[in-house]
Amino acid sequence: MAIKNKAEKIRFGLVGTANTVIDFGILFTLTSLGVPSIISNIFSTSAAFTFSFFANKTFTFKSKGTSKKQFVLFIAITLFGLWVIQSIIIWVAGSTLSTVGFEKNLALFIAKLLATVATLIWNYSLYSRFVFKKENT
């Protein structure tokens, strides 16, 4: 059981890495084009979110079938993490870092990194318990 759980966490980390590349790539492309960071974050996280559902369902948790409940829970958990938790962390940490002298893009990068770690923990905890939980056999 412990080895299987470790393998699942490794797969979750791989999917999370791909999500992060998608997310950061779109975020920094849009902000470099002048789109405000919070709006850019919503677009970037939406793209990563779509990838995440399918990758976590099939690869990470190896869940069979898709129920409406599963999808609704995934949406609620993920969007709360991406749009509420990340937005708050980006706003607070980004503002704080900028205020103490960090360059704007570096402050955004650090804030986004902190926000990503927070939502990684949030998502794994709730996905494994509620969305893709293993049925007792």
Protein backbone atom coordinates (compact mmCIF):
# COMPACT_ATOMS: atom_id res chain seq x y z
CA MET A 1 0.00 0.00 0.00
CA ALA A 2 2.80 2.44 0.89
CA ILE A 3 4.62 1.84 -2.42
CA LYS A 4 1.41 2.36 -4.38
CA ASN A 5 0.77 5.59 -2.48
CA LYS A 6 4.32 6.80 -3.26
CA ALA A 7 3.86 5.97 -6.95
CA GLU A 8 0.60 7.92 -6.94
CA LYS A 9 2.33 10.93 -5.37
CA ILE A 10 5.13 10.72 -7.95
CA ARG A 11 2.56 10.63 -10.76
CA PHE A 12 0.77 13.58 -9.13
CA GLY A 13 4.10 15.44 -9.07
CA LEU A 14 4.69 14.73 -12.77
CA VAL A 15 1.23 15.97 -13.70
CA GLY A 16 1.78 18.97 -11.43
CA THR A 17 5.05 19.75 -13.20
CA ALA A 18 3.31 19.70 -16.58
CA ASN A 19 0.50 21.85 -15.16
CA THR A 20 3.04 24.31 -13.82
CA VAL A 21 4.80 24.61 -17.18
CA ILE A 22 1.46 25.27 -18.89
CA ASP A 23 0.36 27.68 -16.16
CA PHE A 24 3.61 29.67 -15.85
CA GLY A 25 4.11 29.76 -19.63
CA ILE A 26 0.71 31.30 -20.29
CA LEU A 27 0.88 33.57 -17.22
CA PHE A 28 4.19 35.14 -18.18
CA THR A 29 3.33 35.34 -21.88
CA LEU A 30 0.12 37.23 -21.12
CA THR A 31 1.69 39.54 -18.53
CA SER A 32 4.51 40.34 -20.97
CA LEU A 33 1.78 41.40 -23.41
CA GLY A 34 0.39 43.80 -20.79
CA VAL A 35 -2.50 41.74 -19.42
CA PRO A 36 -2.91 42.30 -15.63
CA SER A 37 -1.47 39.49 -13.49
CA ILE A 38 -4.76 38.39 -11.89
CA ILE A 39 -6.53 38.17 -15.29
CA SER A 40 -3.50 36.38 -16.76
CA ASN A 41 -3.56 33.97 -13.83
CA ILE A 42 -7.21 33.11 -14.48
CA PHE A 43 -6.45 32.30 -18.13
CA SER A 44 -3.29 30.34 -17.35
CA THR A 45 -4.86 28.33 -14.56
CA SER A 46 -7.89 27.54 -16.73
CA ALA A 47 -5.68 25.92 -19.37
CA ALA A 48 -3.74 23.98 -16.74
CA PHE A 49 -7.01 23.00 -15.06
CA THR A 50 -8.37 21.35 -18.18
CA PHE A 51 -5.19 19.34 -18.66
CA SER A 52 -5.11 18.49 -14.95
CA PHE A 53 -8.51 16.83 -14.79
CA PHE A 54 -7.80 14.36 -17.55
CA ALA A 55 -4.19 13.69 -16.55
CA ASN A 56 -4.98 13.18 -12.86
CA LYS A 57 -8.04 11.07 -13.59
CA THR A 58 -6.34 8.68 -15.99
CA PHE A 59 -2.65 8.82 -15.04
CA THR A 60 -2.34 9.84 -11.39
CA PHE A 61 -5.31 8.20 -9.73
CA LYS A 62 -6.20 5.71 -12.51
CA SER A 63 -9.87 6.38 -11.95
CA LYS A 64 -12.35 4.45 -14.09
CA GLY A 65 -15.36 6.22 -15.54
CA THR A 66 -16.36 9.79 -14.90
CA SER A 67 -19.31 10.68 -12.74
CA LYS A 68 -20.93 14.09 -12.66
CA LYS A 69 -20.17 14.22 -8.94
CA GLN A 70 -16.47 13.53 -9.59
CA PHE A 71 -16.25 16.28 -12.19
CA VAL A 72 -18.19 18.81 -10.10
CA LEU A 73 -15.99 18.14 -7.05
CA PHE A 74 -12.85 18.46 -9.20
CA ILE A 75 -14.07 21.79 -10.57
CA ALA A 76 -14.99 23.16 -7.14
CA ILE A 77 -11.76 22.09 -5.43
CA THR A 78 -9.49 23.13 -8.29
CA LEU A 79 -11.09 26.47 -9.05
CA PHE A 80 -11.16 27.44 -5.39
CA GLY A 81 -7.45 26.65 -5.19
CA LEU A 82 -6.58 28.36 -8.46
CA TRP A 83 -8.79 31.41 -8.35
CA VAL A 84 -9.18 32.08 -4.63
CA ILE A 85 -6.10 30.68 -2.86
CA GLN A 86 -3.67 31.57 -5.67
CA SER A 87 -5.15 35.02 -6.27
CA ILE A 88 -4.88 35.89 -2.57
CA ILE A 89 -1.30 34.61 -2.31
CA ILE A 90 -0.25 36.34 -5.55
CA TRP A 91 -1.83 39.60 -4.42
CA VAL A 92 -0.42 39.53 -0.87
CA ALA A 93 3.02 38.08 -1.60
CA GLY A 94 3.46 39.97 -4.88
CA SER A 95 2.51 43.28 -3.29
CA THR A 96 4.70 42.64 -0.26
CA LEU A 97 7.72 41.64 -2.33
CA SER A 98 7.29 44.64 -4.65
CA THR A 99 7.00 46.95 -1.66
CA VAL A 100 10.31 45.73 -0.22
CA GLY A 101 12.10 46.29 -3.52
CA PHE A 102 11.77 43.15 -5.64
CA GLU A 103 11.42 43.81 -9.36
CA LYS A 104 7.81 43.33 -10.51
CA ASN A 105 8.36 40.15 -12.58
CA LEU A 106 10.53 38.54 -9.90
CA ALA A 107 7.92 39.36 -7.25
CA LEU A 108 5.22 37.80 -9.44
CA PHE A 109 7.35 34.70 -10.06
CA ILE A 110 8.03 34.15 -6.35
CA ALA A 111 4.40 34.83 -5.45
CA LYS A 112 3.18 32.43 -8.14
CA LEU A 113 5.62 29.77 -6.94
CA LEU A 114 4.32 30.11 -3.36
CA ALA A 115 0.73 29.99 -4.64
CA THR A 116 1.50 26.88 -6.70
CA VAL A 117 2.92 25.03 -3.69
CA ALA A 118 -0.12 25.95 -1.60
CA THR A 119 -2.56 24.74 -4.24
CA LEU A 120 -0.53 21.58 -4.86
CA ILE A 121 -1.04 20.58 -1.22
CA TRP A 122 -4.70 21.66 -1.30
CA ASN A 123 -5.42 19.74 -4.51
CA TYR A 124 -3.71 16.47 -3.63
CA SER A 125 -5.31 16.37 -0.20
CA LEU A 126 -8.82 16.88 -1.52
CA TYR A 127 -8.52 14.96 -4.81
CA SER A 128 -7.33 11.82 -3.03
CA ARG A 129 -10.00 12.08 -0.32
CA PHE A 130 -13.04 13.17 -2.32
CA VAL A 131 -12.63 13.26 -6.11
CA PHE A 132 -10.62 10.18 -7.07
CA LYS A 133 -10.91 8.22 -3.82
CA LYS A 134 -10.45 4.50 -4.11
CA GLU A 135 -13.55 2.43 -3.52
CA ASN A 136 -13.15 -0.24 -0.83
CA THR A 137 -13.18 -3.65 -2.46
